[in-house]
Amino acid sequence: MASPARLKRVLRSLPDADFRLGWLRDYLAATALEQAAEELHALCEEGEQSVPDAREAMLSVAALFAERGECELVRRLRAVAHTQGLLSLERFLRRGTDSSGADPPVEELPVPDYGTGRELTVGERRSLARRPDRRAFERLLADPHPLVLRQLMQNPKLTEDDVLVLATRRPARITALKQIVAAPGWLSRQRVRMAILLNPGTPSYIAMPLLILCTRPELRELADAADIPLVVRVTARELFDRKPPLEGADADLPLQ
């Protein structure tokens, strides 16, 4: 049986999210499909059981798969998981039928008025997103371009409340959600993670990898949420049943 030890050791040793995501991309490109499936499955099994070092490593794995979406690698790993009965990996890669999985083309979306009397270029807007002040943040949060939002995600002045503006927007802005999950540090924030999962417009290819990061109370809330996709609710219930009980007055209330 494959061990998740290498994945946990390397991911926990790397200094920041960019290094961890880069290493994961190289690992998936260089590792035989069946071996990668077995090692990811073993890590998912431990993640479902809330093993602390596995959950820490899963943060980067979940971010990468949520960002990549439904791609050829996911389809091939899912086929291996189905054939070999790797149930934890199958849950992690499970997808639903999404009514919409993308925003309109970026060139068709309005650019915010930055108060300059003309439309700023993408480079100028990225420069604003890089600055260590908040004067343009309201406009930057409404900017449709993924490069601008990605730069903003790295701004040290960005707050959790700012990210929640993007995560809770209705209808969901898929581009913005992808930029949030591409910055895994935000996924460790309970409010941000749940805002993404409870947004009815979040595509299943973003939502499903994040479920393994949830606590039992979070899974219980998702399983009972009537307006999110069925596949998310059903999988949340499965994961709730697999999570070990936690201490606390309401940690183990039964699902309704």
Foldseek 3Di string as FASTA:
>chain_A
DDELVVLLVVLVPDDFLVVNLVVVVVCLVPDDLLNVLVNVLNLLLVLLQCPPSSLVSLLSVLLNQLLVFDDPSLVSSCVSCVVVVSVSSVQLSDFDDAPDQADPPLVPDDQDCQPPPDGDDPVVLLVVLQDQDCPCLVRLLVRLDLSSLLSNVPHPNDDLVSLLVQLQDPPHHNSSLSSQSSRSVSLLDPSSLLSNLLNQNRGRSNNRNSLSSDALVSLLVSLPRPRHDPSSNVSSLVSNVSYDADDDDCRDDDRD
